[in-house]
Amino acid sequence: MLYQDDGDKTPDERQFQTDEGFRNFVTMAIALIFLLGIANFALHKAVMESGHPLLGQMPWFVQTMGGKLTFMTEFLVLLAAMMLAANGWAGLFWAYLIYTGLNALAAWLIFSDRI
């Protein structure tokens, strides 16, 4: 049999069926993006508390509210990544992984006084 007979299901049920494997992949992508988000927040906080001279050169609107604006931006990036992954963009995990890697590289450059 090449296809499954869905005669007992309504058209809406047939239209919105999802592959179980893809659902598991999306769930895993959301969980991994969340864990990467925790790492991004930890890196962000460590850099903000490092007292590096570059932090003093940031524009005034970044320093508004003691740098909390940057944390809100970090949260919005995480939220957008998780929402897009939940809506079927599970491959976005790879983009967020690259984003986290770039954040880690920037933090390493700052902490090792290469910048």
Protein backbone atom coordinates (compact mmCIF):
# COMPACT_ATOMS: atom_id res chain seq x y z
CA MET A 1 0.00 0.00 0.00
CA LEU A 2 1.58 3.30 -1.07
CA TYR A 3 -0.45 5.58 1.16
CA GLN A 4 -2.51 5.35 4.28
CA ASP A 5 -6.27 5.68 3.93
CA ASP A 6 -7.42 8.60 6.07
CA GLY A 7 -11.08 8.17 5.26
CA ASP A 8 -12.16 8.29 8.91
CA LYS A 9 -10.50 11.66 9.55
CA THR A 10 -11.87 15.11 8.81
CA PRO A 11 -10.09 17.27 6.21
CA ASP A 12 -8.70 19.46 9.01
CA GLU A 13 -7.18 16.47 10.78
CA ARG A 14 -5.60 15.27 7.54
CA GLN A 15 -4.28 18.76 6.73
CA PHE A 16 -2.56 19.32 10.07
CA GLN A 17 -0.97 15.91 10.55
CA THR A 18 2.71 16.12 11.41
CA ASP A 19 5.43 13.56 11.26
CA GLU A 20 6.30 12.31 14.75
CA GLY A 21 10.03 12.46 14.02
CA PHE A 22 9.82 16.10 12.95
CA ARG A 23 7.90 16.98 16.13
CA ASN A 24 10.65 15.36 18.19
CA PHE A 25 13.29 17.28 16.23
CA VAL A 26 11.48 20.58 16.84
CA THR A 27 11.18 19.85 20.55
CA MET A 28 14.88 19.00 20.74
CA ALA A 29 15.78 22.16 18.79
CA ILE A 30 13.78 24.32 21.20
CA ALA A 31 15.44 22.70 24.23
CA LEU A 32 18.93 23.11 22.75
CA ILE A 33 18.27 26.73 21.79
CA PHE A 34 17.15 27.36 25.37
CA LEU A 35 20.38 25.85 26.74
CA LEU A 36 22.44 27.90 24.30
CA GLY A 37 20.47 30.95 25.46
CA ILE A 38 21.57 30.28 29.05
CA ALA A 39 25.17 30.14 27.84
CA ASN A 40 24.69 33.43 25.95
CA PHE A 41 23.33 35.14 29.05
CA ALA A 42 26.24 33.86 31.14
CA LEU A 43 28.77 35.10 28.57
CA HIS A 44 26.97 38.42 28.32
CA LYS A 45 26.93 38.94 32.08
CA ALA A 46 30.60 37.99 32.41
CA VAL A 47 31.60 40.48 29.71
CA MET A 48 29.43 43.25 31.16
CA GLU A 49 30.99 42.75 34.62
CA SER A 50 34.56 42.46 33.31
CA GLY A 51 35.21 46.20 33.40
CA HIS A 52 36.92 46.05 30.02
CA PRO A 53 37.81 49.48 28.53
CA LEU A 54 35.68 48.76 25.43
CA LEU A 55 32.56 48.83 27.59
CA GLY A 56 33.16 52.50 28.33
CA GLN A 57 33.21 53.26 24.60
CA MET A 58 29.74 51.89 23.96
CA PRO A 59 27.07 54.44 22.96
CA TRP A 60 24.96 56.07 25.66
CA PHE A 61 21.79 54.16 24.72
CA VAL A 62 23.59 50.84 25.35
CA GLN A 63 24.62 51.99 28.82
CA THR A 64 21.06 53.07 29.60
CA MET A 65 19.67 51.41 32.73
CA GLY A 66 23.09 49.99 33.61
CA GLY A 67 23.32 47.85 30.46
CA LYS A 68 19.97 46.15 31.00
CA LEU A 69 18.92 47.16 27.50
CA THR A 70 21.51 44.75 26.11
CA PHE A 71 20.10 41.94 28.25
CA MET A 72 16.60 42.68 26.94
CA THR A 73 17.96 42.51 23.40
CA GLU A 74 19.62 39.18 24.18
CA PHE A 75 16.31 37.91 25.54
CA LEU A 76 14.42 39.03 22.42
CA VAL A 77 16.92 37.21 20.19
CA LEU A 78 16.46 34.04 22.28
CA LEU A 79 12.68 34.38 22.25
CA ALA A 80 12.58 34.90 18.48
CA ALA A 81 14.82 31.87 17.90
CA MET A 82 12.66 29.65 20.11
CA MET A 83 9.42 30.86 18.55
CA LEU A 84 10.69 30.36 15.02
CA ALA A 85 11.91 26.86 15.91
CA ALA A 86 8.52 26.07 17.44
CA ASN A 87 6.84 27.12 14.19
CA GLY A 88 8.80 24.70 12.05
CA TRP A 89 12.12 26.49 11.57
CA ALA A 90 13.97 23.75 13.45
CA GLY A 91 17.10 24.38 11.37
CA LEU A 92 17.35 27.72 13.12
CA PHE A 93 19.19 25.80 15.85
CA TRP A 94 22.30 25.84 13.64
CA ALA A 95 22.07 29.61 13.19
CA TYR A 96 21.69 30.13 16.95
CA LEU A 97 24.62 27.77 17.55
CA ILE A 98 26.77 29.93 15.25
CA TYR A 99 25.53 33.05 17.07
CA THR A 100 26.54 31.50 20.41
CA GLY A 101 29.92 30.54 18.99
CA LEU A 102 30.53 34.11 17.85
CA ASN A 103 29.54 35.38 21.30
CA ALA A 104 31.97 32.91 22.90
CA LEU A 105 34.73 34.00 20.54
CA ALA A 106 34.11 37.67 21.34
CA ALA A 107 34.13 36.94 25.09
CA TRP A 108 37.37 34.98 24.75
CA LEU A 109 38.97 37.87 22.85
CA ILE A 110 37.91 40.30 25.58
CA PHE A 111 39.01 38.09 28.51
CA SER A 112 42.36 37.19 26.95
CA ASP A 113 43.14 40.89 26.33
CA ARG A 114 43.47 40.36 22.60
CA ILE A 115 41.13 43.30 22.06
